[in-house]
């Protein structure tokens, strides 16, 4: 398989490509204006290469497609999180891990098909790695939140049981129940609510 030659936008210096991306995201700037501004920057920096309108258009279309896929991915993730949010943490973690495996497979296919170059692959791998680390941290934080909520509920139950026992104890004393009877009533309430 022959190497795919990177397009003129991919050959831009990183800082210039970032400026192009910012211009393309700005709704006030047309593609023609973005092309002209980037070509002015290239000329001012002494680069010989210039961008064509069609190269900028192809790049903008790809950016929009990627943006749309990201938006759809977020919607799907939000749907699954809403559905699995109350489920055990392991299920959500399994879903995210499966999504990461699928993403890694898609990236391998894109590399084979020449959609990703060997030069761009390290950056993509780094993004997937960072995403994996973020997912791990997110799941750990989510698990800690579940534990914290369980501890808070336990403390609330204990407090409610203690209040109920104290109220029953006061009422039983007022009715003349013996100390042993009051203690037995208190113990039964606390045991029943534990």
N, C-alpha and C. Protein backbone atom coordinates (compact mmCIF):
# COMPACT_ATOMS: atom_id res chain seq x y z
N UNK A 1 0.85 -1.18 0.00
CA UNK A 1 0.00 0.00 0.00
C UNK A 1 0.89 1.23 0.00
N UNK A 2 0.68 2.16 -0.93
CA UNK A 2 1.47 3.38 -1.02
C UNK A 2 1.06 4.37 0.04
N UNK A 3 2.00 5.23 0.38
CA UNK A 3 1.71 6.27 1.36
C UNK A 3 0.84 7.34 0.74
N UNK A 4 -0.12 7.79 1.50
CA UNK A 4 -0.98 8.87 1.05
C UNK A 4 -0.26 10.18 1.36
N UNK A 5 -0.14 11.03 0.35
CA UNK A 5 0.52 12.32 0.54
C UNK A 5 -0.44 13.24 1.30
N UNK A 6 0.02 13.83 2.39
CA UNK A 6 -0.86 14.73 3.15
C UNK A 6 -1.30 15.91 2.28
N UNK A 7 -2.53 16.36 2.51
CA UNK A 7 -3.05 17.50 1.78
C UNK A 7 -2.38 18.79 2.23
N UNK A 8 -2.65 19.86 1.49
CA UNK A 8 -2.00 21.14 1.79
C UNK A 8 -2.35 21.65 3.19
N UNK A 9 -3.56 21.39 3.66
CA UNK A 9 -3.93 21.83 5.01
C UNK A 9 -3.15 21.03 6.05
N UNK A 10 -3.02 19.72 5.83
CA UNK A 10 -2.27 18.88 6.78
C UNK A 10 -0.79 19.24 6.82
N UNK A 11 -0.27 19.80 5.73
CA UNK A 11 1.15 20.18 5.68
C UNK A 11 1.41 21.54 6.34
N UNK A 12 0.36 22.26 6.70
CA UNK A 12 0.53 23.56 7.35
C UNK A 12 1.24 23.39 8.69
N UNK A 13 2.00 24.40 9.11
CA UNK A 13 2.54 24.37 10.48
C UNK A 13 1.36 24.30 11.47
N UNK A 14 1.57 23.63 12.59
CA UNK A 14 0.48 23.43 13.55
C UNK A 14 -0.22 24.72 13.95
N UNK A 15 0.57 25.77 14.23
CA UNK A 15 -0.04 27.02 14.68
C UNK A 15 -0.91 27.65 13.59
N UNK A 16 -0.49 27.52 12.33
CA UNK A 16 -1.27 28.08 11.22
C UNK A 16 -2.54 27.25 11.02
N UNK A 17 -2.42 25.92 11.14
CA UNK A 17 -3.60 25.06 10.99
C UNK A 17 -4.61 25.36 12.09
N UNK A 18 -4.12 25.62 13.31
CA UNK A 18 -5.02 25.98 14.41
C UNK A 18 -5.74 27.30 14.12
N UNK A 19 -5.03 28.24 13.51
CA UNK A 19 -5.67 29.51 13.14
C UNK A 19 -6.74 29.27 12.08
N UNK A 20 -6.45 28.39 11.12
CA UNK A 20 -7.44 28.06 10.10
C UNK A 20 -8.68 27.45 10.75
N UNK A 21 -8.47 26.52 11.68
CA UNK A 21 -9.59 25.89 12.37
C UNK A 21 -10.43 26.92 13.11
N UNK A 22 -9.77 27.86 13.77
CA UNK A 22 -10.49 28.92 14.49
C UNK A 22 -11.29 29.77 13.51
N UNK A 23 -10.70 30.10 12.38
CA UNK A 23 -11.41 30.91 11.37
C UNK A 23 -12.62 30.15 10.83
N UNK A 24 -12.46 28.86 10.58
CA UNK A 24 -13.57 28.08 10.04
C UNK A 24 -14.69 27.90 11.06
N UNK A 25 -14.36 27.93 12.35
CA UNK A 25 -15.41 27.82 13.38
C UNK A 25 -16.16 29.13 13.56
N UNK A 26 -15.55 30.24 13.16
CA UNK A 26 -16.16 31.56 13.35
C UNK A 26 -17.22 31.78 12.27
N UNK A 27 -18.50 31.89 12.66
CA UNK A 27 -19.56 32.03 11.67
C UNK A 27 -19.50 33.35 10.89
N UNK A 28 -18.73 34.31 11.39
CA UNK A 28 -18.64 35.60 10.70
C UNK A 28 -17.62 35.57 9.56
N UNK A 29 -16.82 34.51 9.49
CA UNK A 29 -15.75 34.42 8.49
C UNK A 29 -16.14 33.40 7.43
N UNK A 30 -16.10 33.83 6.17
CA UNK A 30 -16.39 32.90 5.07
C UNK A 30 -15.15 32.06 4.79
N UNK A 31 -15.34 30.99 4.03
CA UNK A 31 -14.19 30.16 3.65
C UNK A 31 -13.21 30.95 2.79
N UNK A 32 -13.75 31.81 1.92
CA UNK A 32 -12.87 32.63 1.09
C UNK A 32 -12.01 33.56 1.95
N UNK A 33 -12.64 34.17 2.97
CA UNK A 33 -11.89 35.05 3.87
C UNK A 33 -10.85 34.25 4.66
N UNK A 34 -11.23 33.05 5.11
CA UNK A 34 -10.29 32.21 5.86
C UNK A 34 -9.10 31.84 4.98
N UNK A 35 -9.38 31.48 3.73
CA UNK A 35 -8.31 31.12 2.79
C UNK A 35 -7.36 32.30 2.60
N UNK A 36 -7.94 33.48 2.38
CA UNK A 36 -7.12 34.68 2.16
C UNK A 36 -6.27 35.00 3.39
N UNK A 37 -6.86 34.92 4.59
CA UNK A 37 -6.11 35.24 5.81
C UNK A 37 -4.97 34.25 6.03
N UNK A 38 -5.24 32.97 5.81
CA UNK A 38 -4.19 31.97 6.01
C UNK A 38 -3.08 32.15 4.99
N UNK A 39 -3.45 32.44 3.74
CA UNK A 39 -2.42 32.67 2.72
C UNK A 39 -1.59 33.91 3.06
N UNK A 40 -2.23 34.94 3.63
CA UNK A 40 -1.48 36.13 4.08
C UNK A 40 -0.49 35.76 5.18
N UNK A 41 -0.93 34.93 6.12
CA UNK A 41 -0.06 34.48 7.21
C UNK A 41 1.11 33.68 6.64
N UNK A 42 0.81 32.76 5.72
CA UNK A 42 1.87 31.94 5.11
C UNK A 42 2.90 32.82 4.41
N UNK A 43 2.40 33.83 3.68
CA UNK A 43 3.30 34.74 2.97
C UNK A 43 4.16 35.53 3.96
N UNK A 44 3.52 36.03 5.02
CA UNK A 44 4.24 36.83 6.01
C UNK A 44 5.31 36.01 6.73
N UNK A 45 5.05 34.71 6.89
CA UNK A 45 6.01 33.84 7.58
C UNK A 45 7.04 33.24 6.62
N UNK A 46 6.92 33.57 5.33
CA UNK A 46 7.91 33.11 4.37
C UNK A 46 7.68 31.71 3.82
N UNK A 47 6.49 31.17 4.00
CA UNK A 47 6.18 29.85 3.43
C UNK A 47 5.79 30.02 1.97
N UNK A 48 6.25 29.10 1.13
CA UNK A 48 5.94 29.20 -0.30
C UNK A 48 4.56 28.66 -0.63
N UNK A 49 4.13 27.64 0.10
CA UNK A 49 2.86 27.00 -0.22
C UNK A 49 1.68 27.91 0.12
N UNK A 50 0.63 27.81 -0.70
CA UNK A 50 -0.61 28.55 -0.46
C UNK A 50 -1.77 27.55 -0.49
N UNK A 51 -2.84 27.93 0.19
CA UNK A 51 -4.04 27.10 0.21
C UNK A 51 -4.97 27.51 -0.92
N UNK A 52 -5.62 26.51 -1.51
CA UNK A 52 -6.64 26.80 -2.51
C UNK A 52 -8.00 26.84 -1.83
N UNK A 53 -8.97 27.46 -2.49
CA UNK A 53 -10.33 27.52 -1.95
C UNK A 53 -10.88 26.10 -1.78
N UNK A 54 -10.59 25.24 -2.77
CA UNK A 54 -11.14 23.88 -2.71
C UNK A 54 -10.51 23.07 -1.56
N UNK A 55 -9.21 23.28 -1.29
CA UNK A 55 -8.57 22.58 -0.17
C UNK A 55 -9.20 23.00 1.15
N UNK A 56 -9.45 24.29 1.30
CA UNK A 56 -10.07 24.79 2.52
C UNK A 56 -11.50 24.25 2.63
N UNK A 57 -12.21 24.21 1.51
CA UNK A 57 -13.57 23.68 1.52
C UNK A 57 -13.58 22.20 1.92
N UNK A 58 -12.68 21.40 1.33
CA UNK A 58 -12.62 19.97 1.68
C UNK A 58 -12.32 19.81 3.17
N UNK A 59 -11.39 20.61 3.67
CA UNK A 59 -11.02 20.54 5.07
C UNK A 59 -12.21 20.94 5.96
N UNK A 60 -12.91 22.00 5.57
CA UNK A 60 -14.08 22.46 6.34
C UNK A 60 -15.17 21.39 6.36
N UNK A 61 -15.37 20.73 5.23
CA UNK A 61 -16.37 19.66 5.16
C UNK A 61 -15.98 18.54 6.12
N UNK A 62 -14.69 18.15 6.10
CA UNK A 62 -14.22 17.09 7.00
C UNK A 62 -14.37 17.52 8.46
N UNK A 63 -14.03 18.78 8.76
CA UNK A 63 -14.19 19.28 10.13
C UNK A 63 -15.66 19.20 10.57
N UNK A 64 -16.56 19.59 9.66
CA UNK A 64 -17.99 19.54 9.99
C UNK A 64 -18.45 18.10 10.20
N UNK A 65 -17.94 17.18 9.37
CA UNK A 65 -18.31 15.77 9.53
C UNK A 65 -17.82 15.23 10.86
N UNK A 66 -16.59 15.56 11.22
CA UNK A 66 -16.05 15.12 12.51
C UNK A 66 -16.86 15.74 13.65
N UNK A 67 -17.17 17.03 13.52
CA UNK A 67 -17.98 17.69 14.54
C UNK A 67 -19.34 17.05 14.69
N UNK A 68 -19.95 16.68 13.57
CA UNK A 68 -21.26 16.02 13.61
C UNK A 68 -21.15 14.65 14.27
N UNK A 69 -20.09 13.90 13.94
CA UNK A 69 -19.91 12.59 14.57
C UNK A 69 -19.70 12.74 16.07
N UNK A 70 -18.94 13.75 16.48
CA UNK A 70 -18.74 14.00 17.91
C UNK A 70 -20.06 14.34 18.59
N UNK A 71 -20.85 15.18 17.94
CA UNK A 71 -22.15 15.56 18.50
C UNK A 71 -23.03 14.32 18.66
N UNK A 72 -23.06 13.47 17.62
CA UNK A 72 -23.86 12.25 17.69
C UNK A 72 -23.34 11.32 18.78
N UNK A 73 -22.01 11.22 18.91
CA UNK A 73 -21.42 10.38 19.95
C UNK A 73 -21.82 10.88 21.33
N UNK A 74 -21.80 12.21 21.50
CA UNK A 74 -22.20 12.77 22.79
C UNK A 74 -23.66 12.46 23.09
N UNK A 75 -24.52 12.58 22.07
CA UNK A 75 -25.94 12.29 22.27
C UNK A 75 -26.14 10.83 22.67
N UNK A 76 -25.45 9.92 21.98
CA UNK A 76 -25.56 8.50 22.30
C UNK A 76 -25.05 8.25 23.71
N UNK A 77 -23.90 8.84 24.05
CA UNK A 77 -23.34 8.66 25.39
C UNK A 77 -24.30 9.19 26.45
N UNK A 78 -24.89 10.37 26.20
CA UNK A 78 -25.85 10.94 27.16
C UNK A 78 -27.06 10.03 27.32
N UNK A 79 -27.52 9.44 26.20
CA UNK A 79 -28.66 8.53 26.27
C UNK A 79 -28.31 7.32 27.14
N UNK A 80 -27.13 6.74 26.90
CA UNK A 80 -26.74 5.56 27.66
C UNK A 80 -26.49 5.90 29.12
N UNK A 81 -25.89 7.04 29.37
CA UNK A 81 -25.64 7.44 30.75
C UNK A 81 -26.97 7.67 31.47
N UNK A 82 -27.94 8.28 30.77
CA UNK A 82 -29.26 8.48 31.38
C UNK A 82 -29.91 7.14 31.68
N UNK A 83 -29.73 6.18 30.77
CA UNK A 83 -30.34 4.87 30.95
C UNK A 83 -29.62 4.07 32.03
N UNK A 84 -28.29 4.13 32.04
CA UNK A 84 -27.51 3.32 32.97
C UNK A 84 -27.09 4.06 34.22
N UNK A 85 -27.43 5.34 34.30
CA UNK A 85 -26.96 6.14 35.42
C UNK A 85 -27.30 5.55 36.77
N UNK A 86 -28.48 4.94 36.90
CA UNK A 86 -28.89 4.37 38.18
C UNK A 86 -28.44 2.92 38.31
N UNK A 87 -27.83 2.38 37.28
CA UNK A 87 -27.38 0.99 37.29
C UNK A 87 -26.04 0.89 38.00
N UNK A 88 -25.63 -0.31 38.31
CA UNK A 88 -24.30 -0.49 38.91
C UNK A 88 -23.22 0.10 38.02
N UNK A 89 -22.19 0.62 38.66
CA UNK A 89 -21.12 1.31 37.94
C UNK A 89 -20.45 0.43 36.90
N UNK A 90 -20.33 -0.86 37.16
CA UNK A 90 -19.65 -1.75 36.24
C UNK A 90 -20.26 -1.75 34.85
N UNK A 91 -21.58 -1.65 34.77
CA UNK A 91 -22.23 -1.66 33.45
C UNK A 91 -21.84 -0.43 32.64
N UNK A 92 -21.82 0.72 33.28
CA UNK A 92 -21.42 1.94 32.58
C UNK A 92 -19.96 1.84 32.15
N UNK A 93 -19.12 1.34 33.03
CA UNK A 93 -17.71 1.15 32.69
C UNK A 93 -17.53 0.20 31.53
N UNK A 94 -18.30 -0.90 31.51
CA UNK A 94 -18.22 -1.85 30.40
C UNK A 94 -18.63 -1.20 29.09
N UNK A 95 -19.67 -0.38 29.13
CA UNK A 95 -20.12 0.32 27.92
C UNK A 95 -19.02 1.24 27.40
N UNK A 96 -18.42 2.02 28.29
CA UNK A 96 -17.38 2.95 27.87
C UNK A 96 -16.16 2.20 27.34
N UNK A 97 -15.79 1.11 28.00
CA UNK A 97 -14.66 0.31 27.52
C UNK A 97 -14.95 -0.26 26.14
N UNK A 98 -16.16 -0.70 25.91
CA UNK A 98 -16.53 -1.22 24.59
C UNK A 98 -16.46 -0.11 23.54
N UNK A 99 -16.88 1.10 23.91
CA UNK A 99 -16.79 2.23 22.98
C UNK A 99 -15.33 2.53 22.65
N UNK A 100 -14.44 2.45 23.64
CA UNK A 100 -13.02 2.69 23.40
C UNK A 100 -12.43 1.62 22.48
N UNK A 101 -12.82 0.35 22.69
CA UNK A 101 -12.34 -0.72 21.80
C UNK A 101 -12.80 -0.47 20.37
N UNK A 102 -14.05 -0.08 20.23
CA UNK A 102 -14.59 0.21 18.91
C UNK A 102 -13.84 1.36 18.26
N UNK A 103 -13.54 2.40 19.05
CA UNK A 103 -12.80 3.55 18.52
C UNK A 103 -11.40 3.12 18.07
N UNK A 104 -10.73 2.29 18.86
CA UNK A 104 -9.39 1.83 18.50
C UNK A 104 -9.44 1.02 17.20
N UNK A 105 -10.46 0.18 17.04
CA UNK A 105 -10.62 -0.60 15.81
C UNK A 105 -10.85 0.33 14.62
N UNK A 106 -11.73 1.32 14.79
CA UNK A 106 -11.99 2.29 13.71
C UNK A 106 -10.71 3.03 13.33
N UNK A 107 -9.91 3.40 14.32
CA UNK A 107 -8.65 4.09 14.03
C UNK A 107 -7.70 3.20 13.25
N UNK A 108 -7.64 1.92 13.60
CA UNK A 108 -6.77 0.99 12.87
C UNK A 108 -7.22 0.88 11.41
N UNK A 109 -8.54 0.81 11.20
CA UNK A 109 -9.06 0.75 9.83
C UNK A 109 -8.72 2.02 9.06
N UNK A 110 -8.88 3.17 9.70
CA UNK A 110 -8.58 4.44 9.02
C UNK A 110 -7.10 4.52 8.65
N UNK A 111 -6.23 3.98 9.50
CA UNK A 111 -4.81 3.98 9.20
C UNK A 111 -4.54 3.09 7.98
N UNK A 112 -5.17 1.91 7.95
CA UNK A 112 -4.99 1.00 6.81
C UNK A 112 -5.51 1.61 5.52
N UNK A 113 -6.61 2.34 5.62
CA UNK A 113 -7.22 2.93 4.43
C UNK A 113 -6.54 4.22 4.01
N UNK A 114 -5.56 4.65 4.78
CA UNK A 114 -4.83 5.86 4.43
C UNK A 114 -5.49 7.14 4.88
N UNK A 115 -6.56 7.04 5.67
CA UNK A 115 -7.22 8.25 6.16
C UNK A 115 -6.40 8.91 7.26
N UNK A 116 -5.59 8.11 7.96
CA UNK A 116 -4.67 8.64 8.96
C UNK A 116 -3.26 8.36 8.47
N UNK A 117 -2.39 9.30 8.66
CA UNK A 117 -1.00 9.11 8.23
C UNK A 117 -0.17 8.65 9.42
N UNK A 118 0.99 8.12 9.12
CA UNK A 118 1.89 7.70 10.20
C UNK A 118 2.29 8.90 11.05
N UNK A 119 2.30 10.09 10.43
CA UNK A 119 2.67 11.29 11.17
C UNK A 119 1.56 11.71 12.13
N UNK A 120 0.30 11.55 11.72
CA UNK A 120 -0.80 11.99 12.57
C UNK A 120 -1.19 10.93 13.60
N UNK A 121 -0.77 9.69 13.38
CA UNK A 121 -1.18 8.60 14.27
C UNK A 121 -0.73 8.79 15.72
N UNK A 122 0.53 9.23 16.00
CA UNK A 122 0.90 9.42 17.41
C UNK A 122 -0.02 10.39 18.15
N UNK A 123 -0.44 11.44 17.48
CA UNK A 123 -1.35 12.40 18.12
C UNK A 123 -2.70 11.74 18.41
N UNK A 124 -3.18 10.93 17.47
CA UNK A 124 -4.46 10.25 17.66
C UNK A 124 -4.34 9.24 18.80
N UNK A 125 -3.24 8.50 18.82
CA UNK A 125 -3.03 7.53 19.91
C UNK A 125 -2.97 8.25 21.25
N UNK A 126 -2.31 9.40 21.29
CA UNK A 126 -2.24 10.18 22.53
C UNK A 126 -3.64 10.62 22.98
N UNK A 127 -4.49 11.02 22.01
CA UNK A 127 -5.86 11.43 22.36
C UNK A 127 -6.64 10.25 22.93
N UNK A 128 -6.50 9.07 22.31
CA UNK A 128 -7.21 7.88 22.80
C UNK A 128 -6.70 7.53 24.20
N UNK A 129 -5.39 7.63 24.40
CA UNK A 129 -4.81 7.35 25.72
C UNK A 129 -5.37 8.31 26.76
N UNK A 130 -5.40 9.60 26.43
CA UNK A 130 -5.94 10.59 27.36
C UNK A 130 -7.42 10.33 27.65
N UNK A 131 -8.16 9.94 26.60
CA UNK A 131 -9.57 9.61 26.78
C UNK A 131 -9.72 8.42 27.71
N UNK A 132 -8.89 7.40 27.52
CA UNK A 132 -8.94 6.22 28.38
C UNK A 132 -8.66 6.59 29.83
N UNK A 133 -7.64 7.42 30.04
CA UNK A 133 -7.33 7.86 31.40
C UNK A 133 -8.48 8.66 32.00
N UNK A 134 -9.08 9.51 31.19
CA UNK A 134 -10.22 10.31 31.67
C UNK A 134 -11.39 9.41 32.05
N UNK A 135 -11.64 8.40 31.23
CA UNK A 135 -12.73 7.46 31.51
C UNK A 135 -12.45 6.73 32.82
N UNK A 136 -11.21 6.30 33.00
CA UNK A 136 -10.84 5.60 34.24
C UNK A 136 -11.08 6.51 35.44
N UNK A 137 -10.64 7.75 35.33
CA UNK A 137 -10.83 8.70 36.44
C UNK A 137 -12.31 8.98 36.67
N UNK A 138 -13.06 9.11 35.59
CA UNK A 138 -14.49 9.38 35.70
C UNK A 138 -15.20 8.22 36.39
N UNK A 139 -14.87 6.99 36.00
CA UNK A 139 -15.52 5.85 36.62
C UNK A 139 -15.13 5.74 38.09
N UNK A 140 -13.86 6.02 38.41
CA UNK A 140 -13.42 5.98 39.80
C UNK A 140 -14.18 7.03 40.62
N UNK A 141 -14.30 8.24 40.07
CA UNK A 141 -15.03 9.31 40.77
C UNK A 141 -16.49 8.94 40.94
N UNK A 142 -17.07 8.35 39.91
CA UNK A 142 -18.47 7.94 39.98
C UNK A 142 -18.66 6.88 41.05
N UNK A 143 -17.73 5.92 41.10
CA UNK A 143 -17.80 4.87 42.11
C UNK A 143 -17.67 5.47 43.51
N UNK A 144 -16.77 6.43 43.66
CA UNK A 144 -16.61 7.10 44.96
C UNK A 144 -17.88 7.85 45.34
N UNK A 145 -18.54 8.47 44.35
CA UNK A 145 -19.80 9.17 44.63
C UNK A 145 -20.86 8.20 45.11
N UNK A 146 -20.94 7.02 44.49
CA UNK A 146 -21.92 6.01 44.90
C UNK A 146 -21.64 5.60 46.35
N UNK A 147 -20.36 5.37 46.67
CA UNK A 147 -20.00 4.99 48.04
C UNK A 147 -20.35 6.10 49.02
N UNK A 148 -20.04 7.34 48.64
CA UNK A 148 -20.32 8.48 49.51
C UNK A 148 -21.83 8.62 49.74
N UNK A 149 -22.62 8.47 48.68
CA UNK A 149 -24.08 8.56 48.83
C UNK A 149 -24.60 7.45 49.73
N UNK A 150 -24.06 6.24 49.59
CA UNK A 150 -24.48 5.13 50.45
C UNK A 150 -24.15 5.42 51.91
N UNK A 151 -22.98 5.99 52.16
CA UNK A 151 -22.57 6.34 53.52
C UNK A 151 -23.49 7.42 54.09
N UNK A 152 -23.84 8.41 53.28
CA UNK A 152 -24.75 9.48 53.73
C UNK A 152 -26.12 8.89 54.07
N UNK A 153 -26.63 7.99 53.21
CA UNK A 153 -27.93 7.36 53.48
C UNK A 153 -27.87 6.55 54.78
N UNK A 154 -26.76 5.84 54.99
CA UNK A 154 -26.60 5.04 56.20
C UNK A 154 -26.62 5.95 57.43
N UNK A 155 -25.89 7.06 57.36
CA UNK A 155 -25.87 8.00 58.48
C UNK A 155 -27.25 8.60 58.73
N UNK A 156 -27.98 8.89 57.66
CA UNK A 156 -29.34 9.43 57.81
C UNK A 156 -30.26 8.41 58.47
N UNK A 157 -30.14 7.13 58.06
CA UNK A 157 -30.96 6.08 58.69
C UNK A 157 -30.64 5.96 60.18
N UNK A 158 -29.34 5.99 60.49
CA UNK A 158 -28.93 5.89 61.90
C UNK A 158 -29.45 7.07 62.70
N UNK A 159 -29.38 8.27 62.12
CA UNK A 159 -29.87 9.46 62.82
C UNK A 159 -31.38 9.37 63.02
N UNK A 160 -32.10 8.94 61.98
CA UNK A 160 -33.56 8.81 62.09
C UNK A 160 -33.93 7.76 63.13
N UNK A 161 -33.18 6.64 63.16
CA UNK A 161 -33.45 5.59 64.15
C UNK A 161 -33.19 6.12 65.56
N UNK A 162 -32.11 6.87 65.71
CA UNK A 162 -31.78 7.43 67.02
C UNK A 162 -32.87 8.40 67.48
N UNK A 163 -33.36 9.24 66.55
CA UNK A 163 -34.44 10.19 66.89
C UNK A 163 -35.72 9.45 67.25
N UNK A 164 -36.05 8.40 66.48
CA UNK A 164 -37.26 7.62 66.76
C UNK A 164 -37.14 6.94 68.12
N UNK A 165 -35.97 6.39 68.39
CA UNK A 165 -35.75 5.71 69.68
C UNK A 165 -35.86 6.70 70.84
N UNK A 166 -35.27 7.90 70.66
CA UNK A 166 -35.33 8.91 71.72
C UNK A 166 -36.77 9.36 71.95
N UNK A 167 -37.54 9.54 70.88
CA UNK A 167 -38.95 9.94 71.03
C UNK A 167 -39.75 8.86 71.73
N UNK A 168 -39.54 7.60 71.32
CA UNK A 168 -40.27 6.49 71.94
C UNK A 168 -39.87 6.35 73.41
N UNK A 169 -38.58 6.55 73.69
CA UNK A 169 -38.08 6.46 75.06
C UNK A 169 -38.76 7.51 75.94
N UNK A 170 -38.85 8.75 75.44
CA UNK A 170 -39.51 9.82 76.20
C UNK A 170 -40.97 9.50 76.44
N UNK A 171 -41.65 9.03 75.39
CA UNK A 171 -43.07 8.70 75.53
C UNK A 171 -43.27 7.55 76.50
N UNK A 172 -42.40 6.54 76.45
CA UNK A 172 -42.52 5.38 77.34
C UNK A 172 -42.28 5.78 78.79
N UNK A 173 -41.30 6.65 79.03
CA UNK A 173 -41.04 7.12 80.40
C UNK A 173 -42.24 7.90 80.92
N UNK A 174 -42.80 8.74 80.04
CA UNK A 174 -43.96 9.56 80.45
C UNK A 174 -45.14 8.66 80.81
N UNK A 175 -45.21 7.48 80.21
CA UNK A 175 -46.30 6.56 80.50
C UNK A 175 -45.97 5.63 81.68
N UNK A 176 -44.78 5.83 82.27
CA UNK A 176 -44.42 5.06 83.46
C UNK A 176 -43.79 3.72 83.19
N UNK A 177 -43.28 3.47 82.00
CA UNK A 177 -42.63 2.19 81.69
C UNK A 177 -41.32 2.09 82.49
N UNK A 178 -40.99 0.90 82.94
CA UNK A 178 -39.76 0.70 83.73
C UNK A 178 -38.52 0.99 82.90
N UNK A 179 -37.38 1.18 83.63
CA UNK A 179 -36.12 1.44 82.93
C UNK A 179 -35.78 0.30 81.98
N UNK A 180 -36.01 -0.94 82.41
CA UNK A 180 -35.73 -2.10 81.57
C UNK A 180 -36.64 -2.11 80.34
N UNK A 181 -37.89 -1.77 80.54
CA UNK A 181 -38.85 -1.71 79.43
C UNK A 181 -38.47 -0.63 78.42
N UNK A 182 -38.05 0.54 78.93
CA UNK A 182 -37.62 1.64 78.06
C UNK A 182 -36.39 1.21 77.28
N UNK A 183 -35.42 0.57 77.96
CA UNK A 183 -34.18 0.12 77.29
C UNK A 183 -34.51 -0.92 76.22
N UNK A 184 -35.43 -1.84 76.53
CA UNK A 184 -35.81 -2.88 75.56
C UNK A 184 -36.50 -2.25 74.35
N UNK A 185 -37.37 -1.27 74.60
CA UNK A 185 -38.06 -0.58 73.50
C UNK A 185 -37.05 0.15 72.62
N UNK A 186 -36.13 0.86 73.24
CA UNK A 186 -35.09 1.59 72.50
C UNK A 186 -34.27 0.63 71.65
N UNK A 187 -33.83 -0.47 72.25
CA UNK A 187 -33.01 -1.46 71.53
C UNK A 187 -33.78 -2.05 70.35
N UNK A 188 -35.07 -2.33 70.55
CA UNK A 188 -35.88 -2.91 69.47
C UNK A 188 -36.02 -1.92 68.31
N UNK A 189 -36.22 -0.65 68.62
CA UNK A 189 -36.35 0.37 67.56
C UNK A 189 -35.05 0.49 66.79
N UNK A 190 -33.94 0.61 67.51
CA UNK A 190 -32.64 0.76 66.84
C UNK A 190 -32.30 -0.47 66.00
N UNK A 191 -32.60 -1.65 66.52
CA UNK A 191 -32.32 -2.88 65.77
C UNK A 191 -33.21 -2.99 64.54
N UNK A 192 -34.46 -2.62 64.69
CA UNK A 192 -35.41 -2.72 63.57
C UNK A 192 -35.11 -1.75 62.45
N UNK A 193 -34.50 -0.62 62.76
CA UNK A 193 -34.21 0.39 61.74
C UNK A 193 -32.79 0.29 61.20
N UNK A 194 -32.02 -0.64 61.73
CA UNK A 194 -30.62 -0.78 61.28
C UNK A 194 -30.54 -1.44 59.91
